[in-house]
Amino acid sequence: MSSEFPIRRRAAALACLLACVALFWTGCGKKGPLTVVVYTSQDEVFAEPIFREFETQTGIQVRPVFDSEAVKTVGLVNRLLTERNNPQCDVFWNNEEFRTRQLAARDIFRPTNGWTHLGYRTRRIVINTNLLSAASAPRTFSDATNTLWRGKAALAYPLFGTTATHCLALRQLWGDEAWQKWCRALAANQPFLVDGNSVVVKQVARGEAWFGFTDSDDIAGAQREGSPVAALPVTEETLFVPNTVGVIRNCPHPAAAQRLFEFLSEPSVSQKLVELRALEGSTLDPARAATGLKVEWDALLRDLDTATEETRQIFLR
């Protein structure tokens, strides 16, 4: 009996060891696929093919988190700020610049080569071509307060996305007093306030609004579908809106994040987005940018809270 016990104990230990080896080789000891988590305000229909191509080229699995149309960008920005001490995201692909600069000012991106531009869009006036010609439409955003346009304009709720950024940039251009006067006159003209720029274009396409304030990619999307819409030309009140991509400080998957950052920064990716009409151009020529709004970003960030509260008071639903 006493001689059998050590033998049984050794046999049990050997069986346990063999079981562990078997588990290791069947997957418990193997690493899962490399992953990268990306928060993005780029439209899913455009972003998904880009992510699939990256996965094919690198073998790294992309786990995207998209925003909602109603709170474009702002929801993801607030999430990144909330997670700053325990990052859950590796890469932020933003379809506008201002909120990226807001995050950079809060040290959300890694300190070196934290973020960069990726092509651009513009903020435009879109018209229904069955109801307005370019000659009869308001030429600039400031013209939209004419009482002739009462109940005929549409814009996204101006606390979110590129609409908010554009409003802030116009405030900087005109000065606070003139800007508030314009906002109140615009609100008095009873525009349609809707949840997102794509909804603006749909309302204009249906003729519910004669014109609207929106992004160039949403206009292009409606034109692809055969809608009777057109963008008015760039003016001194046009906002150029680059996409941006950045790597989060202390992100969970830094090596995979760098691979995705490099991939999205490639000119071929921007050009592909231009071909899809998700972007208006792959690089922003300074001479062309000079035809639109000239923004002092640091000043815009400094005035953000004040301007946002003023906007809320004027347009609050």
C-alpha atoms as a PDB file:
ATOM      1  CA  MET A   1       0.000   0.000   0.000  1.00  0.00           C
ATOM      2  CA  SER A   2       2.712   2.456   1.006  1.00  0.00           C
ATOM      3  CA  SER A   3       4.749   1.675  -2.144  1.00  0.00           C
ATOM      4  CA  GLU A   4       1.733   2.205  -4.431  1.00  0.00           C
ATOM      5  CA  PHE A   5       0.878   5.733  -3.127  1.00  0.00           C
ATOM      6  CA  PRO A   6       3.930   7.540  -4.554  1.00  0.00           C
ATOM      7  CA  ILE A   7       3.404   5.763  -7.880  1.00  0.00           C
ATOM      8  CA  ARG A   8      -0.231   6.880  -8.022  1.00  0.00           C
ATOM      9  CA  ARG A   9       0.748  10.404  -7.057  1.00  0.00           C
ATOM     10  CA  ARG A  10       3.385  10.530  -9.807  1.00  0.00           C
ATOM     11  CA  ALA A  11       0.892   9.145 -12.325  1.00  0.00           C
ATOM     12  CA  ALA A  12      -1.668  11.791 -11.351  1.00  0.00           C
ATOM     13  CA  ALA A  13       0.938  14.548 -11.673  1.00  0.00           C
ATOM     14  CA  LEU A  14       1.972  13.241 -15.095  1.00  0.00           C
ATOM     15  CA  ALA A  15      -1.653  13.117 -16.231  1.00  0.00           C
ATOM     16  CA  CYS A  16      -2.153  16.713 -15.061  1.00  0.00           C
ATOM     17  CA  LEU A  17       0.967  17.820 -16.929  1.00  0.00           C
ATOM     18  CA  LEU A  18      -0.184  16.093 -20.125  1.00  0.00           C
ATOM     19  CA  ALA A  19      -3.602  17.706 -19.799  1.00  0.00           C
ATOM     20  CA  CYS A  20      -1.999  21.152 -19.480  1.00  0.00           C
ATOM     21  CA  VAL A  21       0.152  20.489 -22.551  1.00  0.00           C
ATOM     22  CA  ALA A  22      -2.931  19.382 -24.485  1.00  0.00           C
ATOM     23  CA  LEU A  23      -4.821  22.514 -23.445  1.00  0.00           C
ATOM     24  CA  PHE A  24      -1.892  24.680 -24.508  1.00  0.00           C
ATOM     25  CA  TRP A  25      -1.723  23.172 -27.986  1.00  0.00           C
ATOM     26  CA  THR A  26      -5.526  23.272 -28.462  1.00  0.00           C
ATOM     27  CA  GLY A  27      -5.669  26.999 -27.815  1.00  0.00           C
ATOM     28  CA  CYS A  28      -5.615  27.891 -24.126  1.00  0.00           C
ATOM     29  CA  GLY A  29      -1.957  28.753 -24.288  1.00  0.00           C
ATOM     30  CA  LYS A  30      -2.083  30.420 -27.697  1.00  0.00           C
ATOM     31  CA  LYS A  31      -2.526  34.168 -28.162  1.00  0.00           C
ATOM     32  CA  GLY A  32      -5.684  35.371 -29.896  1.00  0.00           C
ATOM     33  CA  PRO A  33      -5.563  37.484 -33.069  1.00  0.00           C
ATOM     34  CA  LEU A  34      -4.076  40.960 -32.837  1.00  0.00           C
ATOM     35  CA  THR A  35      -6.774  43.599 -32.490  1.00  0.00           C
ATOM     36  CA  VAL A  36      -7.036  47.382 -32.646  1.00  0.00           C
ATOM     37  CA  VAL A  37      -9.967  49.374 -31.257  1.00  0.00           C
ATOM     38  CA  VAL A  38     -10.899  52.458 -33.254  1.00  0.00           C
ATOM     39  CA  TYR A  39     -13.485  55.092 -32.381  1.00  0.00           C
ATOM     40  CA  THR A  40     -14.646  56.850 -35.525  1.00  0.00           C
ATOM     41  CA  SER A  41     -17.099  59.489 -36.676  1.00  0.00           C
ATOM     42  CA  GLN A  42     -16.469  58.576 -40.316  1.00  0.00           C
ATOM     43  CA  ASP A  43     -19.634  57.130 -41.858  1.00  0.00           C
ATOM     44  CA  GLU A  44     -19.740  53.367 -41.461  1.00  0.00           C
ATOM     45  CA  VAL A  45     -20.436  52.764 -45.149  1.00  0.00           C
ATOM     46  CA  PHE A  46     -17.092  54.400 -46.019  1.00  0.00           C
ATOM     47  CA  ALA A  47     -15.035  53.223 -43.042  1.00  0.00           C
ATOM     48  CA  GLU A  48     -15.869  49.515 -43.132  1.00  0.00           C
ATOM     49  CA  PRO A  49     -14.224  48.744 -46.521  1.00  0.00           C
ATOM     50  CA  ILE A  50     -11.096  50.582 -45.375  1.00  0.00           C
ATOM     51  CA  PHE A  51     -10.967  48.514 -42.183  1.00  0.00           C
ATOM     52  CA  ARG A  52     -11.476  45.254 -44.113  1.00  0.00           C
ATOM     53  CA  GLU A  53      -8.583  46.127 -46.423  1.00  0.00           C
ATOM     54  CA  PHE A  54      -6.366  46.846 -43.411  1.00  0.00           C
ATOM     55  CA  GLU A  55      -7.304  43.488 -41.866  1.00  0.00           C
ATOM     56  CA  THR A  56      -6.479  41.696 -45.116  1.00  0.00           C
ATOM     57  CA  GLN A  57      -3.092  43.374 -45.422  1.00  0.00           C
ATOM     58  CA  THR A  58      -1.997  43.045 -41.776  1.00  0.00           C
ATOM     59  CA  GLY A  59      -3.992  40.264 -40.140  1.00  0.00           C
ATOM     60  CA  ILE A  60      -4.932  42.717 -37.380  1.00  0.00           C
ATOM     61  CA  GLN A  61      -8.617  42.651 -36.456  1.00  0.00           C
ATOM     62  CA  VAL A  62     -10.323  46.063 -36.318  1.00  0.00           C
ATOM     63  CA  ARG A  63     -12.971  46.610 -33.656  1.00  0.00           C
ATOM     64  CA  PRO A  64     -14.729  49.859 -34.633  1.00  0.00           C
ATOM     65  CA  VAL A  65     -17.032  51.958 -32.456  1.00  0.00           C
ATOM     66  CA  PHE A  66     -19.108  54.378 -34.533  1.00  0.00           C
ATOM     67  CA  ASP A  67     -20.889  57.503 -33.346  1.00  0.00           C
ATOM     68  CA  SER A  68     -24.542  58.402 -33.848  1.00  0.00           C
ATOM     69  CA  GLU A  69     -25.730  60.885 -36.455  1.00  0.00           C
ATOM     70  CA  ALA A  70     -27.488  63.058 -33.861  1.00  0.00           C
ATOM     71  CA  VAL A  71     -24.445  63.768 -31.656  1.00  0.00           C
ATOM     72  CA  LYS A  72     -21.794  63.454 -34.365  1.00  0.00           C
ATOM     73  CA  THR A  73     -18.266  63.332 -32.884  1.00  0.00           C
ATOM     74  CA  VAL A  74     -19.172  64.923 -29.536  1.00  0.00           C
ATOM     75  CA  GLY A  75     -20.317  61.616 -28.016  1.00  0.00           C
ATOM     76  CA  LEU A  76     -17.031  59.905 -28.871  1.00  0.00           C
ATOM     77  CA  VAL A  77     -15.013  62.893 -27.642  1.00  0.00           C
ATOM     78  CA  ASN A  78     -16.787  62.774 -24.289  1.00  0.00           C
ATOM     79  CA  ARG A  79     -16.192  59.023 -24.108  1.00  0.00           C
ATOM     80  CA  LEU A  80     -12.472  59.479 -24.730  1.00  0.00           C
ATOM     81  CA  LEU A  81     -12.295  62.152 -22.040  1.00  0.00           C
ATOM     82  CA  THR A  82     -14.104  59.873 -19.585  1.00  0.00           C
ATOM     83  CA  GLU A  83     -11.721  56.985 -20.370  1.00  0.00           C
ATOM     84  CA  ARG A  84      -8.526  59.034 -20.245  1.00  0.00           C
ATOM     85  CA  ASN A  85      -7.205  57.264 -17.110  1.00  0.00           C
ATOM     86  CA  ASN A  86      -8.163  53.829 -18.427  1.00  0.00           C
ATOM     87  CA  PRO A  87      -8.081  53.974 -22.239  1.00  0.00           C
ATOM     88  CA  GLN A  88     -10.271  51.483 -24.077  1.00  0.00           C
ATOM     89  CA  CYS A  89      -9.546  52.919 -27.541  1.00  0.00           C
ATOM     90  CA  ASP A  90      -6.365  52.760 -29.615  1.00  0.00           C
ATOM     91  CA  VAL A  91      -7.089  55.061 -32.566  1.00  0.00           C
ATOM     92  CA  PHE A  92      -9.516  57.941 -33.053  1.00  0.00           C
ATOM     93  CA  TRP A  93     -10.509  58.545 -36.695  1.00  0.00           C
ATOM     94  CA  ASN A  94     -12.447  61.794 -36.632  1.00  0.00           C
ATOM     95  CA  ASN A  95     -14.211  63.368 -39.600  1.00  0.00           C
ATOM     96  CA  GLU A  96     -13.492  66.905 -38.386  1.00  0.00           C
ATOM     97  CA  GLU A  97     -10.581  68.826 -36.884  1.00  0.00           C
ATOM     98  CA  PHE A  98     -11.856  70.933 -34.012  1.00  0.00           C
ATOM     99  CA  ARG A  99     -12.789  68.146 -31.598  1.00  0.00           C
ATOM    100  CA  THR A 100      -9.469  66.451 -32.339  1.00  0.00           C
ATOM    101  CA  ARG A 101      -7.734  69.659 -31.288  1.00  0.00           C
ATOM    102  CA  GLN A 102      -9.882  69.711 -28.166  1.00  0.00           C
ATOM    103  CA  LEU A 103      -8.655  66.217 -27.265  1.00  0.00           C
ATOM    104  CA  ALA A 104      -5.053  67.123 -28.071  1.00  0.00           C
ATOM    105  CA  ALA A 105      -5.299  70.085 -25.689  1.00  0.00           C
ATOM    106  CA  ARG A 106      -6.347  67.614 -22.971  1.00  0.00           C
ATOM    107  CA  ASP A 107      -3.375  65.295 -23.694  1.00  0.00           C
ATOM    108  CA  ILE A 108      -5.587  62.459 -24.945  1.00  0.00           C
ATOM    109  CA  PHE A 109      -3.184  61.595 -27.786  1.00  0.00           C
ATOM    110  CA  ARG A 110       0.332  60.205 -27.396  1.00  0.00           C
ATOM    111  CA  PRO A 111       2.912  62.987 -27.029  1.00  0.00           C
ATOM    112  CA  THR A 112       4.884  62.272 -30.229  1.00  0.00           C
ATOM    113  CA  ASN A 113       3.225  62.086 -33.645  1.00  0.00           C
ATOM    114  CA  GLY A 114      -0.113  62.075 -31.863  1.00  0.00           C
ATOM    115  CA  TRP A 115      -2.449  62.989 -34.728  1.00  0.00           C
ATOM    116  CA  THR A 116      -2.507  64.115 -38.352  1.00  0.00           C
ATOM    117  CA  HIS A 117      -4.837  65.302 -41.119  1.00  0.00           C
ATOM    118  CA  LEU A 118      -6.483  62.947 -43.597  1.00  0.00           C
ATOM    119  CA  GLY A 119      -8.084  64.651 -46.628  1.00  0.00           C
ATOM    120  CA  TYR A 120     -10.897  67.190 -46.283  1.00  0.00           C
ATOM    121  CA  ARG A 121     -14.556  68.091 -46.837  1.00  0.00           C
ATOM    122  CA  THR A 122     -16.282  71.494 -46.811  1.00  0.00           C
ATOM    123  CA  ARG A 123     -19.343  73.017 -45.195  1.00  0.00           C
ATOM    124  CA  ARG A 124     -21.717  74.151 -47.943  1.00  0.00           C
ATOM    125  CA  ILE A 125     -25.146  75.544 -48.640  1.00  0.00           C
ATOM    126  CA  VAL A 126     -27.159  72.868 -50.446  1.00  0.00           C
ATOM    127  CA  ILE A 127     -30.159  73.833 -52.583  1.00  0.00           C
ATOM    128  CA  ASN A 128     -33.064  71.984 -54.141  1.00  0.00           C
ATOM    129  CA  THR A 129     -32.528  72.696 -57.833  1.00  0.00           C
ATOM    130  CA  ASN A 130     -36.266  72.368 -58.568  1.00  0.00           C
ATOM    131  CA  LEU A 131     -36.993  75.227 -56.175  1.00  0.00           C
ATOM    132  CA  LEU A 132     -33.916  77.467 -56.370  1.00  0.00           C
ATOM    133  CA  SER A 133     -31.184  78.385 -58.795  1.00  0.00           C
ATOM    134  CA  ALA A 134     -27.687  79.294 -57.673  1.00  0.00           C
ATOM    135  CA  ALA A 135     -28.437  82.891 -58.659  1.00  0.00           C
ATOM    136  CA  SER A 136     -31.622  83.131 -56.584  1.00  0.00           C
ATOM    137  CA  ALA A 137     -30.369  81.243 -53.520  1.00  0.00           C
ATOM    138  CA  PRO A 138     -28.664  82.857 -50.513  1.00  0.00           C
ATOM    139  CA  ARG A 139     -25.000  83.178 -51.526  1.00  0.00           C
ATOM    140  CA  THR A 140     -23.535  82.966 -48.012  1.00  0.00           C
ATOM    141  CA  PHE A 141     -24.563  81.628 -44.623  1.00  0.00           C
ATOM    142  CA  SER A 142     -25.064  85.184 -43.386  1.00  0.00           C
ATOM    143  CA  ASP A 143     -27.708  85.720 -46.110  1.00  0.00           C
ATOM    144  CA  ALA A 144     -29.931  83.006 -44.641  1.00  0.00           C
ATOM    145  CA  THR A 145     -31.492  85.364 -42.080  1.00  0.00           C
ATOM    146  CA  ASN A 146     -33.418  87.276 -44.775  1.00  0.00           C
ATOM    147  CA  THR A 147     -37.135  86.950 -43.958  1.00  0.00           C
ATOM    148  CA  LEU A 148     -37.613  85.738 -47.530  1.00  0.00           C
ATOM    149  CA  TRP A 149     -36.273  82.389 -46.273  1.00  0.00           C
ATOM    150  CA  ARG A 150     -38.585  81.960 -43.280  1.00  0.00           C
ATOM    151  CA  GLY A 151     -39.401  78.263 -42.877  1.00  0.00           C
ATOM    152  CA  LYS A 152     -37.339  77.304 -45.928  1.00  0.00           C
ATOM    153  CA  ALA A 153     -33.927  76.438 -44.416  1.00  0.00           C
ATOM    154  CA  ALA A 154     -32.632  73.334 -42.637  1.00  0.00           C
ATOM    155  CA  LEU A 155     -29.597  72.744 -40.442  1.00  0.00           C
ATOM    156  CA  ALA A 156     -28.396  70.144 -37.979  1.00  0.00           C
ATOM    157  CA  TYR A 157     -28.758  70.991 -34.305  1.00  0.00           C
ATOM    158  CA  PRO A 158     -25.754  73.323 -33.846  1.00  0.00           C
ATOM    159  CA  LEU A 159     -24.346  71.846 -30.646  1.00  0.00           C
ATOM    160  CA  PHE A 160     -22.843  68.834 -32.386  1.00  0.00           C
ATOM    161  CA  GLY A 161     -20.541  67.825 -35.225  1.00  0.00           C
ATOM    162  CA  THR A 162     -19.388  70.077 -38.019  1.00  0.00           C
ATOM    163  CA  THR A 163     -22.426  72.323 -37.610  1.00  0.00           C
ATOM    164  CA  ALA A 164     -21.239  73.275 -34.124  1.00  0.00           C
ATOM    165  CA  THR A 165     -17.682  73.838 -35.324  1.00  0.00           C
ATOM    166  CA  HIS A 166     -18.886  75.978 -38.210  1.00  0.00           C
ATOM    167  CA  CYS A 167     -21.021  78.109 -35.888  1.00  0.00           C
ATOM    168  CA  LEU A 168     -18.046  78.647 -33.594  1.00  0.00           C
ATOM    169  CA  ALA A 169     -15.830  79.618 -36.540  1.00  0.00           C
ATOM    170  CA  LEU A 170     -18.430  82.109 -37.800  1.00  0.00           C
ATOM    171  CA  ARG A 171     -18.572  83.613 -34.301  1.00  0.00           C
ATOM    172  CA  GLN A 172     -14.831  84.126 -34.467  1.00  0.00           C
ATOM    173  CA  LEU A 173     -15.112  85.722 -37.921  1.00  0.00           C
ATOM    174  CA  TRP A 174     -17.925  88.153 -37.099  1.00  0.00           C
ATOM    175  CA  GLY A 175     -17.368  88.784 -33.394  1.00  0.00           C
ATOM    176  CA  ASP A 176     -19.675  87.677 -30.593  1.00  0.00           C
ATOM    177  CA  GLU A 177     -22.245  90.478 -30.806  1.00  0.00           C
ATOM    178  CA  ALA A 178     -22.789  90.216 -34.561  1.00  0.00           C
ATOM    179  CA  TRP A 179     -22.796  86.416 -34.372  1.00  0.00           C
ATOM    180  CA  GLN A 180     -25.455  86.315 -31.647  1.00  0.00           C
ATOM    181  CA  LYS A 181     -27.576  88.718 -33.676  1.00  0.00           C
ATOM    182  CA  TRP A 182     -27.252  86.388 -36.682  1.00  0.00           C
ATOM    183  CA  CYS A 183     -28.119  83.299 -34.618  1.00  0.00           C
ATOM    184  CA  ARG A 184     -31.236  84.941 -33.212  1.00  0.00           C
ATOM    185  CA  ALA A 185     -32.334  86.130 -36.648  1.00  0.00           C
ATOM    186  CA  LEU A 186     -31.762  82.616 -38.025  1.00  0.00           C
ATOM    187  CA  ALA A 187     -33.769  81.057 -35.181  1.00  0.00           C
ATOM    188  CA  ALA A 188     -36.553  83.616 -35.743  1.00  0.00           C
ATOM    189  CA  ASN A 189     -36.703  82.488 -39.378  1.00  0.00           C
ATOM    190  CA  GLN A 190     -37.968  79.121 -38.090  1.00  0.00           C
ATOM    191  CA  PRO A 191     -35.486  76.766 -39.779  1.00  0.00           C
ATOM    192  CA  PHE A 192     -35.843  73.007 -39.580  1.00  0.00           C
ATOM    193  CA  LEU A 193     -33.482  71.847 -36.802  1.00  0.00           C
ATOM    194  CA  VAL A 194     -32.720  68.185 -37.493  1.00  0.00           C
ATOM    195  CA  ASP A 195     -30.520  65.352 -36.226  1.00  0.00           C
ATOM    196  CA  GLY A 196     -27.532  65.435 -38.538  1.00  0.00           C
ATOM    197  CA  ASN A 197     -26.260  66.764 -41.845  1.00  0.00           C
ATOM    198  CA  SER A 198     -27.533  63.826 -43.880  1.00  0.00           C
ATOM    199  CA  VAL A 199     -31.070  64.605 -42.657  1.00  0.00           C
ATOM    200  CA  VAL A 200     -30.598  68.199 -43.822  1.00  0.00           C
ATOM    201  CA  VAL A 201     -29.873  67.000 -47.354  1.00  0.00           C
ATOM    202  CA  LYS A 202     -32.833  64.610 -47.323  1.00  0.00           C
ATOM    203  CA  GLN A 203     -35.192  67.419 -46.347  1.00  0.00           C
ATOM    204  CA  VAL A 204     -33.830  69.620 -49.108  1.00  0.00           C
ATOM    205  CA  ALA A 205     -34.028  66.764 -51.625  1.00  0.00           C
ATOM    206  CA  ARG A 206     -37.710  66.221 -50.740  1.00  0.00           C
ATOM    207  CA  GLY A 207     -38.437  69.933 -51.065  1.00  0.00           C
ATOM    208  CA  GLU A 208     -39.451  70.280 -47.407  1.00  0.00           C
ATOM    209  CA  ALA A 209     -36.638  72.829 -47.125  1.00  0.00           C
ATOM    210  CA  TRP A 210     -35.464  74.900 -50.083  1.00  0.00           C
ATOM    211  CA  PHE A 211     -31.866  74.987 -48.880  1.00  0.00           C
ATOM    212  CA  GLY A 212     -29.743  73.869 -45.950  1.00  0.00           C
ATOM    213  CA  PHE A 213     -26.357  73.970 -44.243  1.00  0.00           C
ATOM    214  CA  THR A 214     -24.508  70.674 -44.535  1.00  0.00           C
ATOM    215  CA  ASP A 215     -21.288  68.834 -45.490  1.00  0.00           C
ATOM    216  CA  SER A 216     -20.038  68.238 -49.012  1.00  0.00           C
ATOM    217  CA  ASP A 217     -20.019  64.442 -48.641  1.00  0.00           C
ATOM    218  CA  ASP A 218     -23.715  64.373 -47.733  1.00  0.00           C
ATOM    219  CA  ILE A 219     -24.513  66.448 -50.817  1.00  0.00           C
ATOM    220  CA  ALA A 220     -22.449  64.071 -52.958  1.00  0.00           C
ATOM    221  CA  GLY A 221     -24.321  61.105 -51.493  1.00  0.00           C
ATOM    222  CA  ALA A 222     -27.692  62.601 -52.409  1.00  0.00           C
ATOM    223  CA  GLN A 223     -26.481  63.408 -55.923  1.00  0.00           C
ATOM    224  CA  ARG A 224     -25.402  59.770 -56.382  1.00  0.00           C
ATOM    225  CA  GLU A 225     -28.998  58.793 -55.631  1.00  0.00           C
ATOM    226  CA  GLY A 226     -30.299  61.194 -58.269  1.00  0.00           C
ATOM    227  CA  SER A 227     -31.724  63.773 -55.872  1.00  0.00           C
ATOM    228  CA  PRO A 228     -32.267  67.299 -57.238  1.00  0.00           C
ATOM    229  CA  VAL A 229     -29.632  68.977 -55.064  1.00  0.00           C
ATOM    230  CA  ALA A 230     -26.518  71.068 -55.678  1.00  0.00           C
ATOM    231  CA  ALA A 231     -23.815  72.682 -53.561  1.00  0.00           C
ATOM    232  CA  LEU A 232     -23.286  76.427 -53.786  1.00  0.00           C
ATOM    233  CA  PRO A 233     -19.713  77.640 -54.402  1.00  0.00           C
ATOM    234  CA  VAL A 234     -17.071  78.112 -51.706  1.00  0.00           C
ATOM    235  CA  THR A 235     -17.094  81.596 -50.134  1.00  0.00           C
ATOM    236  CA  GLU A 236     -15.225  83.370 -47.351  1.00  0.00           C
ATOM    237  CA  GLU A 237     -17.724  81.758 -44.930  1.00  0.00           C
ATOM    238  CA  THR A 238     -17.011  78.188 -46.053  1.00  0.00           C
ATOM    239  CA  LEU A 239     -15.366  75.954 -43.448  1.00  0.00           C
ATOM    240  CA  PHE A 240     -12.807  73.433 -44.700  1.00  0.00           C
ATOM    241  CA  VAL A 241     -13.092  70.261 -42.622  1.00  0.00           C
ATOM    242  CA  PRO A 242     -10.167  67.814 -42.648  1.00  0.00           C
ATOM    243  CA  ASN A 243     -10.517  64.264 -41.384  1.00  0.00           C
ATOM    244  CA  THR A 244      -7.995  63.453 -38.661  1.00  0.00           C
ATOM    245  CA  VAL A 245      -6.502  60.301 -37.205  1.00  0.00           C
ATOM    246  CA  GLY A 246      -4.717  60.010 -33.869  1.00  0.00           C
ATOM    247  CA  VAL A 247      -3.267  57.417 -31.493  1.00  0.00           C
ATOM    248  CA  ILE A 248      -4.526  57.471 -27.909  1.00  0.00           C
ATOM    249  CA  ARG A 249      -1.982  57.951 -25.109  1.00  0.00           C
ATOM    250  CA  ASN A 250      -1.330  54.669 -23.222  1.00  0.00           C
ATOM    251  CA  CYS A 251      -3.671  52.780 -25.549  1.00  0.00           C
ATOM    252  CA  PRO A 252      -4.182  49.018 -25.001  1.00  0.00           C
ATOM    253  CA  HIS A 253      -2.635  47.912 -28.331  1.00  0.00           C
ATOM    254  CA  PRO A 254       0.098  50.425 -29.238  1.00  0.00           C
ATOM    255  CA  ALA A 255       1.815  48.355 -31.953  1.00  0.00           C
ATOM    256  CA  ALA A 256      -1.444  47.612 -33.768  1.00  0.00           C
ATOM    257  CA  ALA A 257      -2.501  51.245 -33.276  1.00  0.00           C
ATOM    258  CA  GLN A 258       0.658  52.442 -35.020  1.00  0.00           C
ATOM    259  CA  ARG A 259       0.000  50.105 -37.956  1.00  0.00           C
ATOM    260  CA  LEU A 260      -3.540  51.449 -38.387  1.00  0.00           C
ATOM    261  CA  PHE A 261      -2.363  55.051 -37.955  1.00  0.00           C
ATOM    262  CA  GLU A 262       0.208  54.582 -40.724  1.00  0.00           C
ATOM    263  CA  PHE A 263      -2.310  52.821 -42.962  1.00  0.00           C
ATOM    264  CA  LEU A 264      -4.985  55.525 -42.644  1.00  0.00           C
ATOM    265  CA  SER A 265      -2.352  58.212 -43.222  1.00  0.00           C
ATOM    266  CA  GLU A 266      -1.360  56.750 -46.597  1.00  0.00           C
ATOM    267  CA  PRO A 267      -2.329  58.970 -49.580  1.00  0.00           C
ATOM    268  CA  SER A 268      -3.928  55.951 -51.258  1.00  0.00           C
ATOM    269  CA  VAL A 269      -6.512  55.719 -48.465  1.00  0.00           C
ATOM    270  CA  SER A 270      -7.422  59.400 -48.766  1.00  0.00           C
ATOM    271  CA  GLN A 271      -7.676  59.022 -52.528  1.00  0.00           C
ATOM    272  CA  LYS A 272      -9.977  56.020 -52.127  1.00  0.00           C
ATOM    273  CA  LEU A 273     -12.241  58.107 -49.880  1.00  0.00           C
ATOM    274  CA  VAL A 274     -12.220  60.866 -52.500  1.00  0.00           C
ATOM    275  CA  GLU A 275     -13.300  58.365 -55.144  1.00  0.00           C
ATOM    276  CA  LEU A 276     -16.141  57.289 -52.848  1.00  0.00           C
ATOM    277  CA  ARG A 277     -16.930  61.022 -52.400  1.00  0.00           C
ATOM    278  CA  ALA A 278     -16.546  60.669 -48.647  1.00  0.00           C
ATOM    279  CA  LEU A 279     -13.829  63.327 -48.978  1.00  0.00           C
ATOM    280  CA  GLU A 280     -13.685  66.288 -51.319  1.00  0.00           C
ATOM    281  CA  GLY A 281      -9.915  66.164 -51.698  1.00  0.00           C
ATOM    282  CA  SER A 282      -7.017  64.003 -50.519  1.00  0.00           C
ATOM    283  CA  THR A 283      -4.803  66.968 -49.581  1.00  0.00           C
ATOM    284  CA  LEU A 284      -5.785  70.513 -48.691  1.00  0.00           C
ATOM    285  CA  ASP A 285      -3.976  73.030 -50.871  1.00  0.00           C
ATOM    286  CA  PRO A 286      -3.212  76.140 -48.745  1.00  0.00           C
ATOM    287  CA  ALA A 287      -4.292  78.404 -51.620  1.00  0.00           C
ATOM    288  CA  ARG A 288      -7.695  76.714 -51.758  1.00  0.00           C
ATOM    289  CA  ALA A 289      -8.061  76.740 -47.973  1.00  0.00           C
ATOM    290  CA  ALA A 290      -7.374  80.481 -48.018  1.00  0.00           C
ATOM    291  CA  THR A 291     -10.613  81.026 -49.956  1.00  0.00           C
ATOM    292  CA  GLY A 292     -12.648  79.908 -46.935  1.00  0.00           C
ATOM    293  CA  LEU A 293     -12.769  80.606 -43.209  1.00  0.00           C
ATOM    294  CA  LYS A 294      -9.457  81.254 -41.485  1.00  0.00           C
ATOM    295  CA  VAL A 295      -9.701  79.743 -38.013  1.00  0.00           C
ATOM    296  CA  GLU A 296      -7.565  80.504 -34.961  1.00  0.00           C
ATOM    297  CA  TRP A 297      -7.941  77.126 -33.271  1.00  0.00           C
ATOM    298  CA  ASP A 298      -6.472  78.052 -29.883  1.00  0.00           C
ATOM    299  CA  ALA A 299      -8.891  80.964 -29.568  1.00  0.00           C
ATOM    300  CA  LEU A 300     -11.774  78.735 -30.646  1.00  0.00           C
ATOM    301  CA  LEU A 301     -10.891  76.243 -27.907  1.00  0.00           C
ATOM    302  CA  ARG A 302     -10.603  79.015 -25.341  1.00  0.00           C
ATOM    303  CA  ASP A 303     -14.086  80.318 -26.185  1.00  0.00           C
ATOM    304  CA  LEU A 304     -15.722  76.888 -26.522  1.00  0.00           C
ATOM    305  CA  ASP A 305     -17.702  76.814 -23.274  1.00  0.00           C
ATOM    306  CA  THR A 306     -18.976  80.382 -23.602  1.00  0.00           C
ATOM    307  CA  ALA A 307     -19.971  79.994 -27.244  1.00  0.00           C
ATOM    308  CA  THR A 308     -21.604  76.610 -26.644  1.00  0.00           C
ATOM    309  CA  GLU A 309     -23.767  78.035 -23.865  1.00  0.00           C
ATOM    310  CA  GLU A 310     -24.795  80.965 -26.060  1.00  0.00           C
ATOM    311  CA  THR A 311     -25.722  78.544 -28.848  1.00  0.00           C
ATOM    312  CA  ARG A 312     -27.719  76.404 -26.426  1.00  0.00           C
ATOM    313  CA  GLN A 313     -29.715  79.378 -25.171  1.00  0.00           C
ATOM    314  CA  ILE A 314     -30.594  80.501 -28.692  1.00  0.00           C
ATOM    315  CA  PHE A 315     -31.389  77.175 -30.358  1.00  0.00           C
ATOM    316  CA  LEU A 316     -32.481  75.000 -27.412  1.00  0.00           C
ATOM    317  CA  ARG A 317     -35.442  72.849 -28.464  1.00  0.00           C
END
